[in-house]
Amino acid sequence: MATKWKNNKNRMKEFLKHNYKLFIAVVLMMIGGILFYSLLVYHSYYVTKDAWLLTAGGNVTWLLGVVLLWSCILRYKLKDFLPEDETCYEQWKQRKKQHIQRLQIISLVEWILACAYLFLLTYERRYGGYYSASNYASGYAMIITVLNQYIACRWAISHEMQRKMDDCMQYMANVSKERIDQALEIEREGLKKAMEIERQSMEKVSRSDQLRIDLITNVSHDLKTPLTSMVGYMELMRKEELNDTVRDYLDVITDKAAKLKEMIESLFSLAKASSGNIEFHMETLELNRLVEQIYGDMEDKIADSGLEIVTSLTERDTKLVSDNMYLYRICQNLLENALKYSAKGTRVFVKTFYRSGIMGDQLCLEVTNTAGYPMDFQKEDIIERFARADQSRTTEGNGLGLAIVSTYASALGGAFDIDIDCDQFKAIVTFPIMEQEETETCEEDGLSK
């Protein structure tokens, strides 16, 4: 028996712990109900002042109890209300409307009863006889109490419904945050996978490029040895007594062999530069003097081309730190490209100048010529290996000239660009200008790579 009583006691404590507001509401409503009962039953014994004091006390206790009771009821009914879709707000509005309608019905019934009570008081006062006594204060108090109760309960409904809406909004915000976090995590995982795939693809491309470069290097090296022997034997044959026909054939073979040797050497140099396994011997050079030197070395080719070279060299100092052999090859290839692919009787413009860049002043070499063929290609295509602007192949060239220029310029820290405007073909090489202290350091070191 003691154990059973102890269990019931614990259950009661647990109930009061979770429903203490409901208990307080019931107590307050009981106190208010007692005060109103006293006012209604003994209304004829209270003067107006005492009646209004009882009304005030009853209103305070009764209304507080009613507000707490409505809050407890609403919280119990709305405890499982959670937003499931976009109709959440409409459901919330519908429930709020239902609770307000119930309150209006209850308040209307109470107001009718209060009016009926006031009517009875009036009737009793008027027709109750000489010994009847009545005070209208209790009747008015009931009507005011009903009005106050409606206002208080309406506030309680709005407050609890708004609190529930805030909880729903917070719940939806948390759900949205979780979904966003999940989406971001999935996005991050996808990005990591994409980056890994990209890295693997780049490694494959890099390995493929390296294998291609190694193949070109090895093949070029293997071709140079027998070709050198062939050229040597042809030189020996020239010393022999040959008839005119055989000597003409020998001249053709020698010329083709020389061009083949030149192409193999260019291919070998290009492959070596592309691999990054190249050693530069850096020194201070004068770009204007280098251009003039190339003019002298190519004097015969310029004369045979029938083209006019128009030179515009800057009067500023054109010193730069670079590798003499590779810079010479860049300038030579640009001029040879212009001589090979220019229209007959046109002019080739060679220009050196300075221009400002993001990293400071840049020294530029620009070669412009008028093409003797339709230039229906993109500038990105023409610097590829073996790419030729003259698709008809009516001009000399192996398609390596501009590829060598681009590769060498990049390796030396410069840049190569092409500008095509109708028949005008403009090739520009730019090099950053080093400060004086850096120049002296490079000269002391003797090489940069």
Protein backbone atom coordinates (compact mmCIF):
# COMPACT_ATOMS: atom_id res chain seq x y z
CA MET A 1 0.00 0.00 0.00
CA ALA A 2 2.85 2.35 0.90
CA THR A 3 4.57 1.52 -2.39
CA LYS A 4 1.40 2.27 -4.35
CA TRP A 5 0.96 5.59 -2.54
CA LYS A 6 4.60 6.44 -3.22
CA ASN A 7 4.16 5.69 -6.94
CA ASN A 8 1.03 7.85 -7.12
CA LYS A 9 2.87 10.63 -5.32
CA ASN A 10 5.73 10.46 -7.80
CA ARG A 11 3.29 10.51 -10.71
CA MET A 12 1.58 13.54 -9.23
CA LYS A 13 4.91 15.34 -8.86
CA GLU A 14 5.83 14.48 -12.43
CA PHE A 15 2.45 15.70 -13.66
CA LEU A 16 2.72 18.99 -11.76
CA LYS A 17 6.29 19.44 -12.99
CA HIS A 18 5.20 19.34 -16.62
CA ASN A 19 1.76 20.95 -16.16
CA TYR A 20 2.29 23.52 -13.41
CA LYS A 21 0.83 26.27 -15.60
CA LEU A 22 -2.38 24.28 -15.98
CA PHE A 23 -2.54 23.80 -12.20
CA ILE A 24 -2.03 27.54 -11.62
CA ALA A 25 -4.71 28.32 -14.22
CA VAL A 26 -7.22 26.05 -12.48
CA VAL A 27 -6.47 27.58 -9.07
CA LEU A 28 -6.81 31.15 -10.40
CA MET A 29 -10.06 30.32 -12.18
CA MET A 30 -11.42 28.70 -8.99
CA ILE A 31 -10.61 31.83 -7.00
CA GLY A 32 -12.17 34.04 -9.67
CA GLY A 33 -15.16 31.72 -9.88
CA ILE A 34 -15.71 31.95 -6.11
CA LEU A 35 -15.58 35.73 -6.25
CA PHE A 36 -18.05 35.87 -9.13
CA TYR A 37 -20.32 33.33 -7.40
CA SER A 38 -20.36 35.49 -4.30
CA LEU A 39 -21.15 38.55 -6.43
CA LEU A 40 -23.94 36.85 -8.34
CA VAL A 41 -25.63 35.06 -5.44
CA TYR A 42 -25.37 37.90 -2.92
CA HIS A 43 -25.67 40.83 -5.29
CA SER A 44 -28.42 42.39 -3.26
CA TYR A 45 -26.21 42.55 -0.16
CA TYR A 46 -23.32 44.47 -1.77
CA VAL A 47 -23.22 48.15 -2.34
CA THR A 48 -21.90 49.40 -5.66
CA LYS A 49 -18.34 49.96 -4.37
CA ASP A 50 -18.06 46.46 -2.90
CA ALA A 51 -19.55 44.96 -6.06
CA TRP A 52 -16.92 46.64 -8.24
CA LEU A 53 -14.13 45.54 -5.88
CA LEU A 54 -15.29 41.94 -6.18
CA THR A 55 -15.53 42.41 -9.95
CA ALA A 56 -11.95 43.72 -10.15
CA GLY A 57 -10.58 40.85 -8.05
CA GLY A 58 -12.59 38.31 -10.00
CA ASN A 59 -11.46 39.77 -13.33
CA VAL A 60 -7.78 39.68 -12.39
CA THR A 61 -7.79 36.09 -11.12
CA TRP A 62 -10.30 34.74 -13.63
CA LEU A 63 -8.69 36.36 -16.69
CA LEU A 64 -5.19 35.26 -15.68
CA GLY A 65 -6.48 31.73 -15.24
CA VAL A 66 -8.33 31.78 -18.56
CA VAL A 67 -5.26 33.11 -20.43
CA LEU A 68 -3.05 30.40 -18.92
CA LEU A 69 -5.68 27.75 -19.68
CA TRP A 70 -5.97 28.80 -23.32
CA SER A 71 -2.18 28.85 -23.62
CA CYS A 72 -1.90 25.33 -22.21
CA ILE A 73 -4.68 24.04 -24.49
CA LEU A 74 -3.16 25.63 -27.59
CA ARG A 75 0.33 24.37 -26.80
CA TYR A 76 -1.02 20.86 -26.34
CA LYS A 77 -2.94 20.96 -29.63
CA LEU A 78 -0.06 22.53 -31.58
CA LYS A 79 2.78 20.46 -30.15
CA ASP A 80 2.84 18.14 -33.18
CA PHE A 81 2.29 20.89 -35.74
CA LEU A 82 5.39 21.01 -37.96
CA PRO A 83 5.77 22.46 -41.47
CA GLU A 84 5.87 19.76 -44.11
CA ASP A 85 5.53 21.74 -47.31
CA GLU A 86 4.77 25.21 -48.67
CA THR A 87 1.15 24.98 -47.35
CA CYS A 88 2.39 25.36 -43.77
CA TYR A 89 1.41 29.03 -43.53
CA GLU A 90 -2.09 28.35 -44.87
CA GLN A 91 -2.56 25.55 -42.32
CA TRP A 92 -1.40 27.87 -39.56
CA LYS A 93 -3.87 30.57 -40.64
CA GLN A 94 -6.69 28.01 -40.79
CA ARG A 95 -6.00 26.76 -37.26
CA LYS A 96 -5.81 30.29 -35.88
CA LYS A 97 -9.11 31.09 -37.55
CA GLN A 98 -10.74 28.00 -36.01
CA HIS A 99 -9.59 28.91 -32.48
CA ILE A 100 -10.83 32.48 -32.87
CA GLN A 101 -14.20 31.23 -34.13
CA ARG A 102 -14.54 28.95 -31.07
CA LEU A 103 -13.67 31.88 -28.81
CA GLN A 104 -16.24 34.07 -30.54
CA ILE A 105 -18.95 31.44 -30.08
CA ILE A 106 -18.11 30.99 -26.40
CA SER A 107 -17.95 34.76 -25.85
CA LEU A 108 -21.28 35.25 -27.64
CA VAL A 109 -22.98 32.67 -25.42
CA GLU A 110 -21.46 34.25 -22.29
CA TRP A 111 -22.50 37.73 -23.45
CA ILE A 112 -26.10 36.54 -24.00
CA LEU A 113 -26.11 35.02 -20.50
CA ALA A 114 -24.69 38.22 -19.03
CA CYS A 115 -27.36 40.29 -20.79
CA ALA A 116 -30.03 37.88 -19.57
CA TYR A 117 -28.70 38.24 -16.02
CA LEU A 118 -28.80 42.04 -16.29
CA PHE A 119 -32.37 41.77 -17.61
CA LEU A 120 -33.34 39.62 -14.62
CA LEU A 121 -31.86 42.19 -12.27
CA THR A 122 -33.87 44.92 -13.97
CA TYR A 123 -37.03 42.82 -13.88
CA GLU A 124 -36.52 41.97 -10.22
CA ARG A 125 -36.01 45.62 -9.35
CA ARG A 126 -39.06 46.72 -11.24
CA TYR A 127 -41.54 43.93 -10.53
CA GLY A 128 -40.19 42.23 -7.43
CA GLY A 129 -42.35 44.12 -5.03
CA TYR A 130 -41.61 46.33 -2.09
CA TYR A 131 -39.25 43.94 -0.34
CA SER A 132 -37.12 43.20 -3.40
CA ALA A 133 -33.67 44.76 -3.56
CA SER A 134 -31.16 44.62 -6.37
CA ASN A 135 -27.91 46.23 -7.54
CA TYR A 136 -27.24 46.64 -11.23
CA ALA A 137 -23.45 46.69 -10.67
CA SER A 138 -23.18 42.90 -10.75
CA GLY A 139 -24.96 42.79 -14.13
CA TYR A 140 -22.72 45.40 -15.65
CA ALA A 141 -19.74 43.60 -14.12
CA MET A 142 -20.64 40.39 -15.94
CA ILE A 143 -20.87 42.15 -19.31
CA ILE A 144 -17.50 43.85 -18.74
CA THR A 145 -16.00 40.54 -17.61
CA VAL A 146 -17.16 38.81 -20.80
CA LEU A 147 -15.62 41.61 -22.90
CA ASN A 148 -12.34 41.48 -20.95
CA GLN A 149 -12.27 37.71 -21.24
CA TYR A 150 -12.68 37.92 -25.03
CA ILE A 151 -9.86 40.45 -25.35
CA ALA A 152 -7.54 38.44 -23.07
CA CYS A 153 -8.26 35.13 -24.80
CA ARG A 154 -7.87 36.72 -28.22
CA TRP A 155 -4.45 37.98 -27.14
CA ALA A 156 -3.54 34.53 -25.78
CA ILE A 157 -4.51 32.89 -29.09
CA SER A 158 -2.53 35.42 -31.13
CA HIS A 159 0.47 35.13 -28.81
CA GLU A 160 0.57 31.33 -28.84
CA MET A 161 -0.06 31.08 -32.58
CA GLN A 162 2.70 33.62 -33.26
CA ARG A 163 5.04 31.73 -30.95
CA LYS A 164 4.25 28.53 -32.84
CA MET A 165 4.82 30.29 -36.16
CA ASP A 166 8.19 31.53 -34.91
CA ASP A 167 9.06 27.97 -33.89
CA CYS A 168 8.00 26.72 -37.32
CA MET A 169 10.07 29.39 -39.05
CA GLN A 170 13.07 28.49 -36.92
CA TYR A 171 12.48 24.81 -37.67
CA MET A 172 12.29 25.53 -41.39
CA ALA A 173 15.42 27.69 -41.15
CA ASN A 174 17.27 24.85 -39.42
CA VAL A 175 16.02 22.35 -41.99
CA SER A 176 17.01 24.68 -44.82
CA LYS A 177 20.43 25.17 -43.24
CA GLU A 178 20.87 21.41 -42.92
CA ARG A 179 19.82 20.92 -46.53
CA ILE A 180 22.13 23.72 -47.68
CA ASP A 181 24.98 22.21 -45.66
CA GLN A 182 24.25 18.81 -47.17
CA ALA A 183 24.10 20.32 -50.66
CA LEU A 184 27.35 22.19 -50.05
CA GLU A 185 28.97 19.03 -48.75
CA ILE A 186 27.80 17.14 -51.82
CA GLU A 187 29.02 20.03 -53.97
CA ARG A 188 32.38 19.99 -52.20
CA GLU A 189 32.68 16.25 -52.67
CA GLY A 190 31.74 16.63 -56.32
CA LEU A 191 34.25 19.45 -56.70
CA LYS A 192 36.96 17.35 -55.07
CA LYS A 193 36.19 14.48 -57.41
CA ALA A 194 36.14 16.82 -60.40
CA MET A 195 39.46 18.34 -59.33
CA GLU A 196 40.93 14.89 -58.86
CA ILE A 197 39.69 13.83 -62.30
CA GLU A 198 41.07 17.07 -63.74
CA ARG A 199 44.39 16.48 -62.01
CA GLN A 200 44.57 12.94 -63.35
CA SER A 201 43.65 14.21 -66.81
CA MET A 202 46.33 16.88 -66.61
CA GLU A 203 48.85 14.28 -65.52
CA LYS A 204 47.88 12.08 -68.44
CA VAL A 205 48.14 15.02 -70.82
CA SER A 206 51.47 16.00 -69.29
CA ARG A 207 52.77 12.45 -69.61
CA SER A 208 51.47 12.29 -73.17
CA ASP A 209 53.17 15.59 -74.03
CA GLN A 210 56.38 14.43 -72.41
CA LEU A 211 56.27 11.15 -74.32
CA ARG A 212 55.66 13.04 -77.55
CA ILE A 213 58.53 15.41 -76.80
CA ASP A 214 60.81 12.50 -75.92
CA LEU A 215 59.80 10.72 -79.12
CA ILE A 216 60.50 13.81 -81.24
CA THR A 217 63.80 14.36 -79.45
CA ASN A 218 64.92 10.78 -79.92
CA VAL A 219 63.78 10.59 -83.54
CA SER A 220 65.42 13.93 -84.32
CA HIS A 221 68.64 12.79 -82.71
CA ASP A 222 68.54 9.47 -84.57
CA LEU A 223 67.95 11.23 -87.89
CA LYS A 224 70.75 13.75 -87.42
CA THR A 225 73.55 11.17 -87.44
CA PRO A 226 72.80 9.45 -90.79
CA LEU A 227 71.81 12.78 -92.33
CA THR A 228 75.15 14.28 -91.34
CA SER A 229 76.89 11.32 -92.95
CA MET A 230 74.83 11.76 -96.12
CA VAL A 231 75.75 15.45 -96.32
CA GLY A 232 79.40 14.56 -95.83
CA TYR A 233 79.35 11.99 -98.64
CA MET A 234 77.60 14.46 -100.92
CA GLU A 235 80.35 16.98 -100.27
CA LEU A 236 82.90 14.33 -101.21
CA MET A 237 80.96 13.58 -104.40
CA ARG A 238 81.17 17.26 -105.36
CA LYS A 239 84.96 16.93 -105.52
CA GLU A 240 84.70 14.16 -108.09
CA GLU A 241 84.47 14.70 -111.84
CA LEU A 242 80.75 14.52 -112.66
CA ASN A 243 78.79 15.32 -115.78
CA ASP A 244 76.39 18.25 -115.72
CA THR A 245 73.24 16.16 -115.26
CA VAL A 246 74.58 14.26 -112.27
CA ARG A 247 75.95 17.47 -110.74
CA ASP A 248 72.50 19.12 -111.08
CA TYR A 249 70.90 16.15 -109.34
CA LEU A 250 73.55 16.34 -106.64
CA ASP A 251 72.84 20.05 -106.09
CA VAL A 252 69.13 19.33 -105.66
CA ILE A 253 69.83 16.50 -103.22
CA THR A 254 72.28 18.65 -101.26
CA ASP A 255 69.77 21.50 -101.04
CA LYS A 256 66.97 19.21 -99.84
CA ALA A 257 69.29 17.54 -97.36
CA ALA A 258 70.29 20.94 -95.96
CA LYS A 259 66.63 21.90 -95.53
CA LEU A 260 65.88 18.55 -93.91
CA LYS A 261 68.81 19.01 -91.54
CA GLU A 262 67.58 22.50 -90.67
CA MET A 263 64.08 21.18 -89.97
CA ILE A 264 65.41 18.36 -87.79
CA GLU A 265 67.55 20.79 -85.81
CA SER A 266 64.56 23.11 -85.36
CA LEU A 267 62.39 20.22 -84.25
CA PHE A 268 65.06 19.04 -81.83
CA SER A 269 65.47 22.54 -80.35
CA LEU A 270 61.70 23.00 -80.06
CA ALA A 271 61.24 19.67 -78.28
CA LYS A 272 64.07 20.47 -75.90
CA ALA A 273 62.63 23.91 -75.08
CA SER A 274 59.11 22.49 -74.62
CA SER A 275 60.37 19.93 -72.12
CA GLY A 276 61.81 22.70 -69.93
CA ASN A 277 65.13 20.87 -69.87
CA ILE A 278 67.09 23.74 -71.34
CA GLU A 279 69.98 25.82 -70.03
CA PHE A 280 70.16 29.53 -70.78
CA HIS A 281 73.34 31.57 -70.74
CA MET A 282 72.03 34.95 -69.71
CA GLU A 283 73.86 38.16 -70.61
CA THR A 284 73.10 41.79 -71.32
CA LEU A 285 72.08 42.29 -74.94
CA GLU A 286 71.09 45.23 -77.12
CA LEU A 287 67.93 44.40 -79.07
CA ASN A 288 68.43 47.11 -81.70
CA ARG A 289 71.98 45.90 -82.43
CA LEU A 290 70.74 42.31 -82.60
CA VAL A 291 68.14 43.30 -85.22
CA GLU A 292 70.80 45.08 -87.28
CA GLN A 293 73.05 42.02 -87.01
CA ILE A 294 70.26 39.81 -88.35
CA TYR A 295 69.80 42.22 -91.26
CA GLY A 296 73.45 41.73 -92.14
CA ASP A 297 73.32 37.94 -91.79
CA MET A 298 70.16 37.73 -93.93
CA GLU A 299 71.19 40.32 -96.51
CA ASP A 300 71.08 37.83 -99.38
CA LYS A 301 67.66 36.45 -98.39
CA ILE A 302 66.25 39.95 -98.07
CA ALA A 303 67.59 40.90 -101.49
CA ASP A 304 66.25 37.71 -103.11
CA SER A 305 62.78 38.24 -101.60
CA GLY A 306 62.25 41.52 -103.47
CA LEU A 307 60.60 43.00 -100.37
CA GLU A 308 61.35 46.36 -98.80
CA ILE A 309 62.24 46.32 -95.10
CA VAL A 310 61.03 49.40 -93.22
CA THR A 311 62.73 49.71 -89.85
CA SER A 312 61.60 51.85 -86.91
CA LEU A 313 63.87 51.32 -83.90
CA THR A 314 63.28 53.11 -80.62
CA GLU A 315 65.86 55.69 -79.59
CA ARG A 316 65.70 54.53 -75.99
CA ASP A 317 68.17 52.08 -74.56
CA THR A 318 67.08 48.55 -75.60
CA LYS A 319 69.29 46.59 -73.24
CA LEU A 320 67.81 43.44 -71.76
CA VAL A 321 69.09 40.30 -70.06
CA SER A 322 68.55 37.23 -72.21
CA ASP A 323 70.23 34.32 -73.96
CA ASN A 324 71.94 35.53 -77.12
CA MET A 325 71.43 32.37 -79.17
CA TYR A 326 67.75 31.93 -78.38
CA LEU A 327 66.89 35.62 -78.70
CA TYR A 328 68.70 35.68 -82.04
CA ARG A 329 66.64 32.67 -83.17
CA ILE A 330 63.41 34.42 -82.15
CA CYS A 331 64.19 37.57 -84.15
CA GLN A 332 65.49 35.55 -87.11
CA ASN A 333 62.39 33.36 -87.27
CA LEU A 334 60.07 36.38 -87.19
CA LEU A 335 61.90 38.03 -90.08
CA GLU A 336 62.14 34.77 -92.08
CA ASN A 337 58.42 34.16 -91.57
CA ALA A 338 57.66 37.63 -92.98
CA LEU A 339 59.95 37.06 -95.98
CA LYS A 340 58.41 33.67 -96.78
CA TYR A 341 54.74 34.57 -96.55
CA SER A 342 54.56 38.22 -97.72
CA ALA A 343 52.91 39.22 -100.98
CA LYS A 344 55.33 40.19 -103.75
CA GLY A 345 56.25 43.86 -103.93
CA THR A 346 55.00 44.67 -100.43
CA ARG A 347 56.86 46.03 -97.44
CA VAL A 348 57.84 44.42 -94.13
CA PHE A 349 57.80 46.69 -91.08
CA VAL A 350 60.19 45.94 -88.21
CA LYS A 351 59.72 48.00 -85.08
CA THR A 352 61.12 48.10 -81.54
CA PHE A 353 59.37 50.09 -78.83
CA TYR A 354 58.46 50.23 -75.15
CA ARG A 355 55.01 49.86 -73.65
CA SER A 356 53.70 49.86 -70.10
CA GLY A 357 52.41 46.64 -68.59
CA ILE A 358 51.12 45.38 -65.25
CA MET A 359 54.64 44.35 -64.21
CA GLY A 360 56.26 47.56 -65.50
CA ASP A 361 57.77 48.62 -68.83
CA GLN A 362 58.14 45.99 -71.54
CA LEU A 363 60.49 45.98 -74.51
CA CYS A 364 58.72 44.89 -77.70
CA LEU A 365 59.76 43.68 -81.13
CA GLU A 366 57.03 43.91 -83.77
CA VAL A 367 57.18 42.53 -87.32
CA THR A 368 54.30 43.36 -89.69
CA ASN A 369 53.81 42.09 -93.22
CA THR A 370 51.09 41.84 -95.86
CA ALA A 371 50.18 38.21 -96.50
CA GLY A 372 50.13 36.85 -100.02
CA TYR A 373 47.33 34.37 -99.27
CA PRO A 374 43.93 34.35 -97.50
CA MET A 375 44.42 34.27 -93.72
CA ASP A 376 41.36 32.21 -92.79
CA PHE A 377 42.69 30.88 -89.48
CA GLN A 378 42.77 31.73 -85.80
CA LYS A 379 45.91 33.11 -84.20
CA GLU A 380 45.88 30.23 -81.67
CA ASP A 381 46.18 27.74 -84.54
CA ILE A 382 49.12 29.31 -86.34
CA ILE A 383 51.56 28.89 -83.43
CA GLU A 384 50.95 25.14 -83.23
CA ARG A 385 53.73 22.85 -84.39
CA PHE A 386 53.72 22.22 -88.14
CA ALA A 387 50.88 24.75 -88.62
CA ARG A 388 51.17 26.77 -91.81
CA ALA A 389 49.14 29.81 -92.73
CA ASP A 390 49.51 29.06 -96.45
CA GLN A 391 47.41 25.92 -96.74
CA SER A 392 48.23 25.57 -100.42
CA ARG A 393 51.91 25.04 -99.45
CA THR A 394 53.10 27.13 -102.38
CA THR A 395 55.65 28.81 -100.12
CA GLU A 396 58.66 27.45 -98.30
CA GLY A 397 58.44 26.56 -94.63
CA ASN A 398 57.94 23.66 -92.28
CA GLY A 399 55.43 25.18 -89.84
CA LEU A 400 57.88 25.36 -86.93
CA GLY A 401 58.97 29.00 -87.10
CA LEU A 402 56.28 30.66 -84.98
CA ALA A 403 56.01 27.65 -82.66
CA ILE A 404 59.71 28.08 -81.91
CA VAL A 405 59.22 31.82 -81.34
CA SER A 406 56.34 31.21 -78.91
CA THR A 407 58.17 28.47 -76.99
CA TYR A 408 61.48 30.34 -76.75
CA ALA A 409 59.82 33.62 -75.75
CA SER A 410 57.86 31.92 -72.96
CA ALA A 411 60.97 30.09 -71.73
CA LEU A 412 62.88 33.39 -71.58
CA GLY A 413 60.13 35.02 -69.50
CA GLY A 414 58.55 36.94 -72.36
CA ALA A 415 55.36 36.60 -74.36
CA PHE A 416 54.37 36.15 -77.99
CA ASP A 417 51.20 37.41 -79.60
CA ILE A 418 49.71 37.69 -83.08
CA ASP A 419 47.33 40.31 -84.45
CA ILE A 420 45.53 39.67 -87.76
CA ASP A 421 43.73 42.52 -89.51
CA CYS A 422 42.53 41.62 -93.01
CA ASP A 423 45.79 40.97 -94.94
CA GLN A 424 48.01 42.48 -92.26
CA PHE A 425 49.88 39.92 -90.15
CA LYS A 426 51.51 41.37 -87.05
CA ALA A 427 53.78 39.31 -84.74
CA ILE A 428 54.81 40.86 -81.41
CA VAL A 429 57.36 39.59 -78.88
CA THR A 430 57.51 41.33 -75.48
CA PHE A 431 60.12 41.04 -72.75
CA PRO A 432 60.01 42.49 -69.22
CA ILE A 433 62.79 44.93 -68.40
CA MET A 434 64.82 43.95 -65.35
CA GLU A 435 66.07 46.47 -62.82
CA GLN A 436 69.74 47.43 -62.85
CA GLU A 437 70.56 45.43 -59.72
CA GLU A 438 68.93 42.31 -61.16
CA THR A 439 70.82 42.84 -64.42
CA GLU A 440 74.17 42.96 -62.62
CA THR A 441 73.27 39.84 -60.64
CA CYS A 442 72.40 37.92 -63.82
CA GLU A 443 75.66 38.98 -65.45
CA GLU A 444 77.62 37.74 -62.44
CA ASP A 445 75.77 34.43 -62.36
CA GLY A 446 76.13 33.86 -66.10
CA LEU A 447 72.93 31.81 -66.45
CA SER A 448 69.37 31.79 -65.20
CA LYS A 449 68.27 28.19 -65.45
